[in-house]
Structures are given as C-alpha cells and as structure tokens.
C-alpha cells in the first residue's frame, strides 16, 4: 500500500514537472514572437509614415508597449 502511494506521488510530480516545462517552453516562444513583433512594428512604422514622423510614432508605440507591460506586471504578478 505504501509503495502504491509513493508511485502515485511520483506520477503526479512527473506530470507537474512536464506541465511546468511545457509552460516554460511556450513562454520562451512567446518572448521570441514578442521581440519579432516589436521590431517588425518599428520597421512598418518606418515604412508607413513620413521619415520626419517615424521616430515620433515609434516612440509612441514604445510608450504603449511599456504601459501594457507595466499594467500586466502590476495586475497579475504584484497583486496581493
């Protein structure tokens, strides 16, 4: 009986470890996709807007990204 509970706990721990690893891999892919999107948007801003205003629009986009990241961190990670 005791051996069965140990095997069951090991199985549960292995499932938790697998889920944690999967989440970490997906978060890494999300980070890479975010960087790609960020630099792609800067390239699109440079192509779409007049060269005089591309830096201004790029700065506004950067500010929006910073505000979104701060909101997400404050809402989901710093919540008590």
C-alpha atoms as a PDB file:
ATOM      1  CA  UNK A   1       0.000   0.000   0.000  1.00  0.00           C
ATOM      2  CA  UNK A   2       2.767   2.428   0.917  1.00  0.00           C
ATOM      3  CA  UNK A   3       4.605   1.633  -2.324  1.00  0.00           C
ATOM      4  CA  UNK A   4       1.478   2.441  -4.358  1.00  0.00           C
ATOM      5  CA  UNK A   5       1.142   5.881  -2.785  1.00  0.00           C
ATOM      6  CA  UNK A   6       4.819   6.624  -3.462  1.00  0.00           C
ATOM      7  CA  UNK A   7       4.406   5.639  -7.118  1.00  0.00           C
ATOM      8  CA  UNK A   8       1.252   7.734  -7.365  1.00  0.00           C
ATOM      9  CA  UNK A   9       3.034  10.763  -5.870  1.00  0.00           C
ATOM     10  CA  UNK A  10       5.927  10.270  -8.291  1.00  0.00           C
ATOM     11  CA  UNK A  11       3.473  10.145 -11.180  1.00  0.00           C
ATOM     12  CA  UNK A  12       1.794  13.366 -10.020  1.00  0.00           C
ATOM     13  CA  UNK A  13       5.208  15.041  -9.609  1.00  0.00           C
ATOM     14  CA  UNK A  14       6.221  13.947 -13.122  1.00  0.00           C
ATOM     15  CA  UNK A  15       3.007  15.373 -14.569  1.00  0.00           C
ATOM     16  CA  UNK A  16       3.580  18.684 -12.736  1.00  0.00           C
ATOM     17  CA  UNK A  17       7.176  18.779 -13.979  1.00  0.00           C
ATOM     18  CA  UNK A  18       6.043  18.113 -17.555  1.00  0.00           C
ATOM     19  CA  UNK A  19       3.413  20.866 -17.360  1.00  0.00           C
ATOM     20  CA  UNK A  20       5.946  23.318 -15.897  1.00  0.00           C
ATOM     21  CA  UNK A  21       8.455  22.519 -18.644  1.00  0.00           C
ATOM     22  CA  UNK A  22       5.796  22.929 -21.320  1.00  0.00           C
ATOM     23  CA  UNK A  23       4.768  26.299 -19.921  1.00  0.00           C
ATOM     24  CA  UNK A  24       8.392  27.464 -19.818  1.00  0.00           C
ATOM     25  CA  UNK A  25       8.938  26.449 -23.451  1.00  0.00           C
ATOM     26  CA  UNK A  26       5.739  28.229 -24.505  1.00  0.00           C
ATOM     27  CA  UNK A  27       6.777  31.362 -22.603  1.00  0.00           C
ATOM     28  CA  UNK A  28      10.125  31.321 -24.384  1.00  0.00           C
ATOM     29  CA  UNK A  29       8.349  31.069 -27.742  1.00  0.00           C
ATOM     30  CA  UNK A  30       6.073  33.927 -26.689  1.00  0.00           C
ATOM     31  CA  UNK A  31       9.096  36.048 -25.799  1.00  0.00           C
ATOM     32  CA  UNK A  32      10.719  35.396 -29.174  1.00  0.00           C
ATOM     33  CA  UNK A  33       7.480  36.178 -31.006  1.00  0.00           C
ATOM     34  CA  UNK A  34       7.109  39.392 -28.986  1.00  0.00           C
ATOM     35  CA  UNK A  35      10.571  40.597 -29.990  1.00  0.00           C
ATOM     36  CA  UNK A  36       9.874  39.747 -33.612  1.00  0.00           C
ATOM     37  CA  UNK A  37       6.578  41.638 -33.492  1.00  0.00           C
ATOM     38  CA  UNK A  38       8.202  44.618 -31.772  1.00  0.00           C
ATOM     39  CA  UNK A  39      10.944  45.015 -34.378  1.00  0.00           C
ATOM     40  CA  UNK A  40       8.506  44.305 -37.206  1.00  0.00           C
ATOM     41  CA  UNK A  41       6.255  47.100 -35.972  1.00  0.00           C
ATOM     42  CA  UNK A  42       9.184  49.503 -35.902  1.00  0.00           C
ATOM     43  CA  UNK A  43      10.001  48.549 -39.469  1.00  0.00           C
ATOM     44  CA  UNK A  44       6.358  49.017 -40.512  1.00  0.00           C
ATOM     45  CA  UNK A  45       6.196  52.401 -38.788  1.00  0.00           C
ATOM     46  CA  UNK A  46       9.318  53.481 -40.652  1.00  0.00           C
ATOM     47  CA  UNK A  47       7.773  52.419 -43.960  1.00  0.00           C
ATOM     48  CA  UNK A  48       4.268  53.764 -43.415  1.00  0.00           C
ATOM     49  CA  UNK A  49       4.952  57.210 -42.046  1.00  0.00           C
ATOM     50  CA  UNK A  50       6.950  60.108 -43.369  1.00  0.00           C
ATOM     51  CA  UNK A  51      10.576  59.963 -42.233  1.00  0.00           C
ATOM     52  CA  UNK A  52      10.028  63.158 -40.223  1.00  0.00           C
ATOM     53  CA  UNK A  53       7.397  61.499 -38.054  1.00  0.00           C
ATOM     54  CA  UNK A  54       8.587  57.904 -37.892  1.00  0.00           C
ATOM     55  CA  UNK A  55      10.653  58.483 -34.724  1.00  0.00           C
ATOM     56  CA  UNK A  56       7.700  60.152 -33.016  1.00  0.00           C
ATOM     57  CA  UNK A  57       5.296  57.360 -33.928  1.00  0.00           C
ATOM     58  CA  UNK A  58       7.911  54.773 -32.900  1.00  0.00           C
ATOM     59  CA  UNK A  59       8.279  56.478 -29.519  1.00  0.00           C
ATOM     60  CA  UNK A  60       4.512  56.464 -29.028  1.00  0.00           C
ATOM     61  CA  UNK A  61       4.469  52.742 -29.846  1.00  0.00           C
ATOM     62  CA  UNK A  62       7.315  52.158 -27.341  1.00  0.00           C
ATOM     63  CA  UNK A  63       5.378  54.054 -24.686  1.00  0.00           C
ATOM     64  CA  UNK A  64       2.268  51.951 -25.363  1.00  0.00           C
ATOM     65  CA  UNK A  65       4.331  48.753 -25.013  1.00  0.00           C
ATOM     66  CA  UNK A  66       5.846  49.973 -21.733  1.00  0.00           C
ATOM     67  CA  UNK A  67       2.411  50.878 -20.380  1.00  0.00           C
ATOM     68  CA  UNK A  68       0.982  47.478 -21.371  1.00  0.00           C
ATOM     69  CA  UNK A  69       3.878  45.616 -19.729  1.00  0.00           C
ATOM     70  CA  UNK A  70       3.590  47.654 -16.531  1.00  0.00           C
ATOM     71  CA  UNK A  71      -0.152  47.024 -16.414  1.00  0.00           C
ATOM     72  CA  UNK A  72       0.286  43.276 -16.901  1.00  0.00           C
ATOM     73  CA  UNK A  73       3.032  43.063 -14.278  1.00  0.00           C
ATOM     74  CA  UNK A  74       1.030  45.131 -11.802  1.00  0.00           C
ATOM     75  CA  UNK A  75      -2.232  43.302 -12.400  1.00  0.00           C
ATOM     76  CA  UNK A  76      -1.049  39.710 -12.461  1.00  0.00           C
ATOM     77  CA  UNK A  77       2.317  39.498 -10.678  1.00  0.00           C
ATOM     78  CA  UNK A  78       2.237  42.170  -7.978  1.00  0.00           C
ATOM     79  CA  UNK A  79      -1.331  41.532  -6.886  1.00  0.00           C
ATOM     80  CA  UNK A  80      -1.569  40.567  -3.232  1.00  0.00           C
END
